[in-house]
Amino acid sequence: MNDFLNNYLVVVEQSNALQLVVFAVFFLLVYFLPTLLAIFFNRQHLAKIALLNVPAGFSFIVWGGLILWACTGRVGQVLAKKLG
């Protein structure tokens, strides 16, 4: 664990500000991907997905579940109307 921390600190020290900003933006986009998908696909549950996205980022399983929930909102309703 100590080697990992030392390697991490070396990488951070060798990075310039632009690289760190690009990494931070990329990280936040991936972390909040369920919320971003909910904006496009599932506006009805957007607030719930956004609220659950904050702690769910620490669990890959819950984060993946939120992505599924965000993507199936409107599509699920359209399919239900066609089938019903």
PDB file of N, CA and C in Angstrom:
ATOM      1  N   MET A   1       0.831  -1.190   0.000  1.00  0.00           N
ATOM      2  CA  MET A   1       0.000   0.000   0.000  1.00  0.00           C
ATOM      3  C   MET A   1       0.874   1.251   0.000  1.00  0.00           C
ATOM      4  N   ASN A   2       1.968   1.185   0.698  1.00  0.00           N
ATOM      5  CA  ASN A   2       2.857   2.330   0.776  1.00  0.00           C
ATOM      6  C   ASN A   2       3.488   2.619  -0.583  1.00  0.00           C
ATOM      7  N   ASP A   3       3.813   1.567  -1.342  1.00  0.00           N
ATOM      8  CA  ASP A   3       4.370   1.747  -2.685  1.00  0.00           C
ATOM      9  C   ASP A   3       3.352   2.398  -3.613  1.00  0.00           C
ATOM     10  N   PHE A   4       2.100   1.989  -3.484  1.00  0.00           N
ATOM     11  CA  PHE A   4       1.047   2.580  -4.302  1.00  0.00           C
ATOM     12  C   PHE A   4       0.933   4.074  -4.035  1.00  0.00           C
ATOM     13  N   LEU A   5       0.946   4.452  -2.776  1.00  0.00           N
ATOM     14  CA  LEU A   5       0.841   5.861  -2.414  1.00  0.00           C
ATOM     15  C   LEU A   5       2.046   6.646  -2.923  1.00  0.00           C
ATOM     16  N   ASN A   6       3.225   6.078  -2.802  1.00  0.00           N
ATOM     17  CA  ASN A   6       4.422   6.752  -3.301  1.00  0.00           C
ATOM     18  C   ASN A   6       4.376   6.911  -4.822  1.00  0.00           C
ATOM     19  N   ASN A   7       3.959   5.865  -5.531  1.00  0.00           N
ATOM     20  CA  ASN A   7       3.833   5.957  -6.988  1.00  0.00           C
ATOM     21  C   ASN A   7       2.790   6.989  -7.389  1.00  0.00           C
ATOM     22  N   TYR A   8       1.682   7.038  -6.660  1.00  0.00           N
ATOM     23  CA  TYR A   8       0.631   8.015  -6.930  1.00  0.00           C
ATOM     24  C   TYR A   8       1.162   9.436  -6.752  1.00  0.00           C
ATOM     25  N   LEU A   9       1.887   9.666  -5.681  1.00  0.00           N
ATOM     26  CA  LEU A   9       2.432  11.000  -5.433  1.00  0.00           C
ATOM     27  C   LEU A   9       3.448  11.401  -6.491  1.00  0.00           C
ATOM     28  N   VAL A  10       4.225  10.455  -6.981  1.00  0.00           N
ATOM     29  CA  VAL A  10       5.192  10.751  -8.043  1.00  0.00           C
ATOM     30  C   VAL A  10       4.456  11.156  -9.317  1.00  0.00           C
ATOM     31  N   VAL A  11       3.393  10.445  -9.659  1.00  0.00           N
ATOM     32  CA  VAL A  11       2.622  10.772 -10.863  1.00  0.00           C
ATOM     33  C   VAL A  11       1.988  12.151 -10.735  1.00  0.00           C
ATOM     34  N   VAL A  12       1.437  12.454  -9.569  1.00  0.00           N
ATOM     35  CA  VAL A  12       0.807  13.763  -9.363  1.00  0.00           C
ATOM     36  C   VAL A  12       1.849  14.878  -9.451  1.00  0.00           C
ATOM     37  N   GLU A  13       3.015  14.662  -8.885  1.00  0.00           N
ATOM     38  CA  GLU A  13       4.067  15.680  -8.939  1.00  0.00           C
ATOM     39  C   GLU A  13       4.556  15.913 -10.361  1.00  0.00           C
ATOM     40  N   GLN A  14       4.566  14.892 -11.203  1.00  0.00           N
ATOM     41  CA  GLN A  14       5.043  15.018 -12.570  1.00  0.00           C
ATOM     42  C   GLN A  14       3.987  15.568 -13.521  1.00  0.00           C
ATOM     43  N   SER A  15       2.736  15.651 -13.080  1.00  0.00           N
ATOM     44  CA  SER A  15       1.653  16.145 -13.929  1.00  0.00           C
ATOM     45  C   SER A  15       1.600  17.668 -13.866  1.00  0.00           C
ATOM     46  N   ASN A  16       1.183  18.255 -14.977  1.00  0.00           N
ATOM     47  CA  ASN A  16       0.974  19.700 -14.942  1.00  0.00           C
ATOM     48  C   ASN A  16      -0.493  19.987 -14.630  1.00  0.00           C
ATOM     49  N   ALA A  17      -0.835  21.243 -14.492  1.00  0.00           N
ATOM     50  CA  ALA A  17      -2.180  21.631 -14.074  1.00  0.00           C
ATOM     51  C   ALA A  17      -3.233  21.213 -15.096  1.00  0.00           C
ATOM     52  N   LEU A  18      -2.914  21.334 -16.370  1.00  0.00           N
ATOM     53  CA  LEU A  18      -3.885  20.975 -17.406  1.00  0.00           C
ATOM     54  C   LEU A  18      -4.222  19.489 -17.354  1.00  0.00           C
ATOM     55  N   GLN A  19      -3.228  18.640 -17.166  1.00  0.00           N
ATOM     56  CA  GLN A  19      -3.473  17.202 -17.068  1.00  0.00           C
ATOM     57  C   GLN A  19      -4.349  16.880 -15.861  1.00  0.00           C
ATOM     58  N   LEU A  20      -4.116  17.541 -14.751  1.00  0.00           N
ATOM     59  CA  LEU A  20      -4.922  17.289 -13.556  1.00  0.00           C
ATOM     60  C   LEU A  20      -6.363  17.756 -13.742  1.00  0.00           C
ATOM     61  N   VAL A  21      -6.552  18.882 -14.414  1.00  0.00           N
ATOM     62  CA  VAL A  21      -7.908  19.378 -14.667  1.00  0.00           C
ATOM     63  C   VAL A  21      -8.643  18.449 -15.626  1.00  0.00           C
ATOM     64  N   VAL A  22      -7.973  17.996 -16.677  1.00  0.00           N
ATOM     65  CA  VAL A  22      -8.594  17.066 -17.628  1.00  0.00           C
ATOM     66  C   VAL A  22      -8.976  15.768 -16.924  1.00  0.00           C
ATOM     67  N   PHE A  23      -8.095  15.259 -16.075  1.00  0.00           N
ATOM     68  CA  PHE A  23      -8.407  14.044 -15.329  1.00  0.00           C
ATOM     69  C   PHE A  23      -9.603  14.262 -14.398  1.00  0.00           C
ATOM     70  N   ALA A  24      -9.645  15.404 -13.713  1.00  0.00           N
ATOM     71  CA  ALA A  24     -10.750  15.682 -12.792  1.00  0.00           C
ATOM     72  C   ALA A  24     -12.080  15.766 -13.534  1.00  0.00           C
ATOM     73  N   VAL A  25     -12.088  16.415 -14.687  1.00  0.00           N
ATOM     74  CA  VAL A  25     -13.322  16.517 -15.478  1.00  0.00           C
ATOM     75  C   VAL A  25     -13.759  15.133 -15.960  1.00  0.00           C
ATOM     76  N   PHE A  26     -12.813  14.343 -16.472  1.00  0.00           N
ATOM     77  CA  PHE A  26     -13.128  12.986 -16.926  1.00  0.00           C
ATOM     78  C   PHE A  26     -13.673  12.142 -15.770  1.00  0.00           C
ATOM     79  N   PHE A  27     -13.031  12.231 -14.600  1.00  0.00           N
ATOM     80  CA  PHE A  27     -13.468  11.470 -13.438  1.00  0.00           C
ATOM     81  C   PHE A  27     -14.889  11.854 -13.041  1.00  0.00           C
ATOM     82  N   LEU A  28     -15.188  13.149 -13.005  1.00  0.00           N
ATOM     83  CA  LEU A  28     -16.526  13.591 -12.615  1.00  0.00           C
ATOM     84  C   LEU A  28     -17.577  13.180 -13.648  1.00  0.00           C
ATOM     85  N   LEU A  29     -17.226  13.205 -14.927  1.00  0.00           N
ATOM     86  CA  LEU A  29     -18.173  12.754 -15.952  1.00  0.00           C
ATOM     87  C   LEU A  29     -18.506  11.278 -15.788  1.00  0.00           C
ATOM     88  N   VAL A  30     -17.504  10.464 -15.520  1.00  0.00           N
ATOM     89  CA  VAL A  30     -17.750   9.034 -15.321  1.00  0.00           C
ATOM     90  C   VAL A  30     -18.501   8.798 -14.009  1.00  0.00           C
ATOM     91  N   TYR A  31     -18.123   9.504 -12.953  1.00  0.00           N
ATOM     92  CA  TYR A  31     -18.752   9.321 -11.639  1.00  0.00           C
ATOM     93  C   TYR A  31     -20.244   9.665 -11.698  1.00  0.00           C
ATOM     94  N   PHE A  32     -20.577  10.746 -12.411  1.00  0.00           N
ATOM     95  CA  PHE A  32     -21.967  11.187 -12.494  1.00  0.00           C
ATOM     96  C   PHE A  32     -22.639  10.757 -13.797  1.00  0.00           C
ATOM     97  N   LEU A  33     -22.134   9.721 -14.438  1.00  0.00           N
ATOM     98  CA  LEU A  33     -22.722   9.208 -15.667  1.00  0.00           C
ATOM     99  C   LEU A  33     -24.190   8.805 -15.499  1.00  0.00           C
ATOM    100  N   PRO A  34     -24.596   8.145 -14.408  1.00  0.00           N
ATOM    101  CA  PRO A  34     -26.026   7.839 -14.260  1.00  0.00           C
ATOM    102  C   PRO A  34     -26.908   9.091 -14.254  1.00  0.00           C
ATOM    103  N   THR A  35     -26.448  10.148 -13.617  1.00  0.00           N
ATOM    104  CA  THR A  35     -27.219  11.390 -13.589  1.00  0.00           C
ATOM    105  C   THR A  35     -27.290  12.006 -14.974  1.00  0.00           C
ATOM    106  N   LEU A  36     -26.186  11.996 -15.694  1.00  0.00           N
ATOM    107  CA  LEU A  36     -26.180  12.550 -17.053  1.00  0.00           C
ATOM    108  C   LEU A  36     -27.094  11.744 -17.974  1.00  0.00           C
ATOM    109  N   LEU A  37     -27.083  10.430 -17.840  1.00  0.00           N
ATOM    110  CA  LEU A  37     -27.981   9.601 -18.640  1.00  0.00           C
ATOM    111  C   LEU A  37     -29.440   9.828 -18.263  1.00  0.00           C
ATOM    112  N   ALA A  38     -29.699  10.062 -16.980  1.00  0.00           N
ATOM    113  CA  ALA A  38     -31.072  10.319 -16.532  1.00  0.00           C
ATOM    114  C   ALA A  38     -31.597  11.628 -17.109  1.00  0.00           C
ATOM    115  N   ILE A  39     -30.723  12.590 -17.341  1.00  0.00           N
ATOM    116  CA  ILE A  39     -31.150  13.848 -17.946  1.00  0.00           C
ATOM    117  C   ILE A  39     -31.719  13.583 -19.336  1.00  0.00           C
ATOM    118  N   PHE A  40     -31.119  12.668 -20.070  1.00  0.00           N
ATOM    119  CA  PHE A  40     -31.553  12.390 -21.435  1.00  0.00           C
ATOM    120  C   PHE A  40     -32.664  11.345 -21.516  1.00  0.00           C
ATOM    121  N   PHE A  41     -32.659  10.338 -20.645  1.00  0.00           N
ATOM    122  CA  PHE A  41     -33.572   9.208 -20.812  1.00  0.00           C
ATOM    123  C   PHE A  41     -34.681   9.109 -19.765  1.00  0.00           C
ATOM    124  N   ASN A  42     -34.491   9.626 -18.572  1.00  0.00           N
ATOM    125  CA  ASN A  42     -35.403   9.316 -17.473  1.00  0.00           C
ATOM    126  C   ASN A  42     -35.643  10.547 -16.608  1.00  0.00           C
ATOM    127  N   ARG A  43     -36.213  11.566 -17.185  1.00  0.00           N
ATOM    128  CA  ARG A  43     -36.405  12.817 -16.445  1.00  0.00           C
ATOM    129  C   ARG A  43     -37.365  12.666 -15.261  1.00  0.00           C
ATOM    130  N   GLN A  44     -38.237  11.690 -15.314  1.00  0.00           N
ATOM    131  CA  GLN A  44     -39.206  11.500 -14.238  1.00  0.00           C
ATOM    132  C   GLN A  44     -38.515  11.175 -12.914  1.00  0.00           C
ATOM    133  N   HIS A  45     -37.426  10.415 -12.937  1.00  0.00           N
ATOM    134  CA  HIS A  45     -36.727  10.010 -11.734  1.00  0.00           C
ATOM    135  C   HIS A  45     -35.355  10.672 -11.612  1.00  0.00           C
ATOM    136  N   LEU A  46     -35.168  11.791 -12.290  1.00  0.00           N
ATOM    137  CA  LEU A  46     -33.865  12.453 -12.313  1.00  0.00           C
ATOM    138  C   LEU A  46     -33.391  12.835 -10.911  1.00  0.00           C
ATOM    139  N   ALA A  47     -34.248  13.401 -10.097  1.00  0.00           N
ATOM    140  CA  ALA A  47     -33.833  13.842  -8.753  1.00  0.00           C
ATOM    141  C   ALA A  47     -33.414  12.651  -7.894  1.00  0.00           C
ATOM    142  N   LYS A  48     -34.157  11.563  -7.975  1.00  0.00           N
ATOM    143  CA  LYS A  48     -33.813  10.379  -7.182  1.00  0.00           C
ATOM    144  C   LYS A  48     -32.485   9.784  -7.634  1.00  0.00           C
ATOM    145  N   ILE A  49     -32.303   9.691  -8.950  1.00  0.00           N
ATOM    146  CA  ILE A  49     -31.059   9.127  -9.479  1.00  0.00           C
ATOM    147  C   ILE A  49     -29.881  10.013  -9.110  1.00  0.00           C
ATOM    148  N   ALA A  50     -30.046  11.324  -9.225  1.00  0.00           N
ATOM    149  CA  ALA A  50     -28.960  12.248  -8.884  1.00  0.00           C
ATOM    150  C   ALA A  50     -28.607  12.162  -7.403  1.00  0.00           C
ATOM    151  N   LEU A  51     -29.613  12.052  -6.550  1.00  0.00           N
ATOM    152  CA  LEU A  51     -29.360  11.958  -5.111  1.00  0.00           C
ATOM    153  C   LEU A  51     -28.665  10.648  -4.762  1.00  0.00           C
ATOM    154  N   LEU A  52     -29.087   9.559  -5.369  1.00  0.00           N
ATOM    155  CA  LEU A  52     -28.472   8.259  -5.092  1.00  0.00           C
ATOM    156  C   LEU A  52     -27.110   8.104  -5.753  1.00  0.00           C
ATOM    157  N   ASN A  53     -26.824   8.917  -6.754  1.00  0.00           N
ATOM    158  CA  ASN A  53     -25.554   8.820  -7.466  1.00  0.00           C
ATOM    159  C   ASN A  53     -24.372   9.203  -6.581  1.00  0.00           C
ATOM    160  N   VAL A  54     -24.582  10.091  -5.637  1.00  0.00           N
ATOM    161  CA  VAL A  54     -23.460  10.554  -4.803  1.00  0.00           C
ATOM    162  C   VAL A  54     -22.861   9.406  -3.989  1.00  0.00           C
ATOM    163  N   PRO A  55     -23.631   8.666  -3.188  1.00  0.00           N
ATOM    164  CA  PRO A  55     -23.003   7.559  -2.467  1.00  0.00           C
ATOM    165  C   PRO A  55     -22.795   6.309  -3.335  1.00  0.00           C
ATOM    166  N   ALA A  56     -23.545   6.188  -4.424  1.00  0.00           N
ATOM    167  CA  ALA A  56     -23.450   4.979  -5.252  1.00  0.00           C
ATOM    168  C   ALA A  56     -22.145   4.900  -6.023  1.00  0.00           C
ATOM    169  N   GLY A  57     -21.450   5.999  -6.175  1.00  0.00           N
ATOM    170  CA  GLY A  57     -20.192   5.985  -6.891  1.00  0.00           C
ATOM    171  C   GLY A  57     -19.135   5.143  -6.218  1.00  0.00           C
ATOM    172  N   PHE A  58     -19.321   4.854  -4.942  1.00  0.00           N
ATOM    173  CA  PHE A  58     -18.356   4.042  -4.206  1.00  0.00           C
ATOM    174  C   PHE A  58     -18.617   2.546  -4.357  1.00  0.00           C
ATOM    175  N   SER A  59     -19.750   2.182  -4.946  1.00  0.00           N
ATOM    176  CA  SER A  59     -20.094   0.780  -5.158  1.00  0.00           C
ATOM    177  C   SER A  59     -20.375   0.567  -6.637  1.00  0.00           C
ATOM    178  N   PHE A  60     -19.542  -0.220  -7.289  1.00  0.00           N
ATOM    179  CA  PHE A  60     -19.692  -0.426  -8.724  1.00  0.00           C
ATOM    180  C   PHE A  60     -21.026  -1.085  -9.055  1.00  0.00           C
ATOM    181  N   ILE A  61     -21.510  -1.962  -8.200  1.00  0.00           N
ATOM    182  CA  ILE A  61     -22.779  -2.659  -8.452  1.00  0.00           C
ATOM    183  C   ILE A  61     -23.948  -1.677  -8.403  1.00  0.00           C
ATOM    184  N   VAL A  62     -24.001  -0.848  -7.392  1.00  0.00           N
ATOM    185  CA  VAL A  62     -25.089   0.130  -7.270  1.00  0.00           C
ATOM    186  C   VAL A  62     -24.987   1.164  -8.385  1.00  0.00           C
ATOM    187  N   TRP A  63     -23.774   1.589  -8.707  1.00  0.00           N
ATOM    188  CA  TRP A  63     -23.552   2.551  -9.784  1.00  0.00           C
ATOM    189  C   TRP A  63     -24.063   1.980 -11.110  1.00  0.00           C
ATOM    190  N   GLY A  64     -23.777   0.712 -11.370  1.00  0.00           N
ATOM    191  CA  GLY A  64     -24.275   0.060 -12.581  1.00  0.00           C
ATOM    192  C   GLY A  64     -25.793  -0.046 -12.586  1.00  0.00           C
ATOM    193  N   GLY A  65     -26.365  -0.311 -11.431  1.00  0.00           N
ATOM    194  CA  GLY A  65     -27.828  -0.349 -11.321  1.00  0.00           C
ATOM    195  C   GLY A  65     -28.454   1.001 -11.615  1.00  0.00           C
ATOM    196  N   LEU A  66     -27.812   2.062 -11.168  1.00  0.00           N
ATOM    197  CA  LEU A  66     -28.321   3.401 -11.460  1.00  0.00           C
ATOM    198  C   LEU A  66     -28.237   3.710 -12.954  1.00  0.00           C
ATOM    199  N   ILE A  67     -27.185   3.230 -13.600  1.00  0.00           N
ATOM    200  CA  ILE A  67     -27.086   3.431 -15.046  1.00  0.00           C
ATOM    201  C   ILE A  67     -28.246   2.723 -15.755  1.00  0.00           C
ATOM    202  N   LEU A  68     -28.543   1.497 -15.325  1.00  0.00           N
ATOM    203  CA  LEU A  68     -29.678   0.784 -15.921  1.00  0.00           C
ATOM    204  C   LEU A  68     -30.987   1.510 -15.674  1.00  0.00           C
ATOM    205  N   TRP A  69     -31.185   1.994 -14.467  1.00  0.00           N
ATOM    206  CA  TRP A  69     -32.409   2.715 -14.126  1.00  0.00           C
ATOM    207  C   TRP A  69     -32.512   3.994 -14.958  1.00  0.00           C
ATOM    208  N   ALA A  70     -31.402   4.694 -15.103  1.00  0.00           N
ATOM    209  CA  ALA A  70     -31.409   5.945 -15.858  1.00  0.00           C
ATOM    210  C   ALA A  70     -31.709   5.712 -17.334  1.00  0.00           C
ATOM    211  N   CYS A  71     -31.256   4.595 -17.870  1.00  0.00           N
ATOM    212  CA  CYS A  71     -31.424   4.327 -19.308  1.00  0.00           C
ATOM    213  C   CYS A  71     -32.771   3.710 -19.652  1.00  0.00           C
ATOM    214  N   THR A  72     -33.444   3.087 -18.725  1.00  0.00           N
ATOM    215  CA  THR A  72     -34.667   2.354 -19.057  1.00  0.00           C
ATOM    216  C   THR A  72     -35.943   3.103 -18.734  1.00  0.00           C
ATOM    217  N   GLY A  73     -35.875   4.308 -18.260  1.00  0.00           N
ATOM    218  CA  GLY A  73     -37.081   5.035 -17.862  1.00  0.00           C
ATOM    219  C   GLY A  73     -38.075   5.234 -18.982  1.00  0.00           C
ATOM    220  N   ARG A  74     -37.765   6.093 -19.916  1.00  0.00           N
ATOM    221  CA  ARG A  74     -38.679   6.418 -20.994  1.00  0.00           C
ATOM    222  C   ARG A  74     -38.833   5.246 -21.955  1.00  0.00           C
ATOM    223  N   VAL A  75     -37.772   4.535 -22.221  1.00  0.00           N
ATOM    224  CA  VAL A  75     -37.823   3.387 -23.125  1.00  0.00           C
ATOM    225  C   VAL A  75     -38.764   2.324 -22.567  1.00  0.00           C
ATOM    226  N   GLY A  76     -38.696   2.082 -21.263  1.00  0.00           N
ATOM    227  CA  GLY A  76     -39.570   1.104 -20.630  1.00  0.00           C
ATOM    228  C   GLY A  76     -41.032   1.493 -20.749  1.00  0.00           C
ATOM    229  N   GLN A  77     -41.334   2.776 -20.615  1.00  0.00           N
ATOM    230  CA  GLN A  77     -42.713   3.250 -20.737  1.00  0.00           C
ATOM    231  C   GLN A  77     -43.219   3.092 -22.165  1.00  0.00           C
ATOM    232  N   VAL A  78     -42.377   3.384 -23.143  1.00  0.00           N
ATOM    233  CA  VAL A  78     -42.769   3.251 -24.555  1.00  0.00           C
ATOM    234  C   VAL A  78     -43.031   1.782 -24.886  1.00  0.00           C
ATOM    235  N   LEU A  79     -42.153   0.904 -24.424  1.00  0.00           N
ATOM    236  CA  LEU A  79     -42.371  -0.522 -24.678  1.00  0.00           C
ATOM    237  C   LEU A  79     -43.619  -1.035 -23.993  1.00  0.00           C
ATOM    238  N   ALA A  80     -43.899  -0.548 -22.782  1.00  0.00           N
ATOM    239  CA  ALA A  80     -45.099  -0.986 -22.074  1.00  0.00           C
ATOM    240  C   ALA A  80     -46.356  -0.566 -22.830  1.00  0.00           C
ATOM    241  N   LYS A  81     -46.347   0.621 -23.428  1.00  0.00           N
ATOM    242  CA  LYS A  81     -47.515   1.071 -24.207  1.00  0.00           C
ATOM    243  C   LYS A  81     -47.699   0.224 -25.466  1.00  0.00           C
ATOM    244  N   LYS A  82     -46.593  -0.131 -26.118  1.00  0.00           N
ATOM    245  CA  LYS A  82     -46.680  -0.940 -27.330  1.00  0.00           C
ATOM    246  C   LYS A  82     -47.161  -2.351 -27.021  1.00  0.00           C
ATOM    247  N   LEU A  83     -46.702  -2.919 -25.914  1.00  0.00           N
ATOM    248  CA  LEU A  83     -47.068  -4.284 -25.566  1.00  0.00           C
ATOM    249  C   LEU A  83     -48.455  -4.366 -24.929  1.00  0.00           C
ATOM    250  N   GLY A  84     -48.863  -3.301 -24.264  1.00  0.00           N
ATOM    251  CA  GLY A  84     -50.123  -3.332 -23.513  1.00  0.00           C
ATOM    252  C   GLY A  84     -51.265  -2.892 -24.281  1.00  0.00           C
TER     253      GLY A  84
END
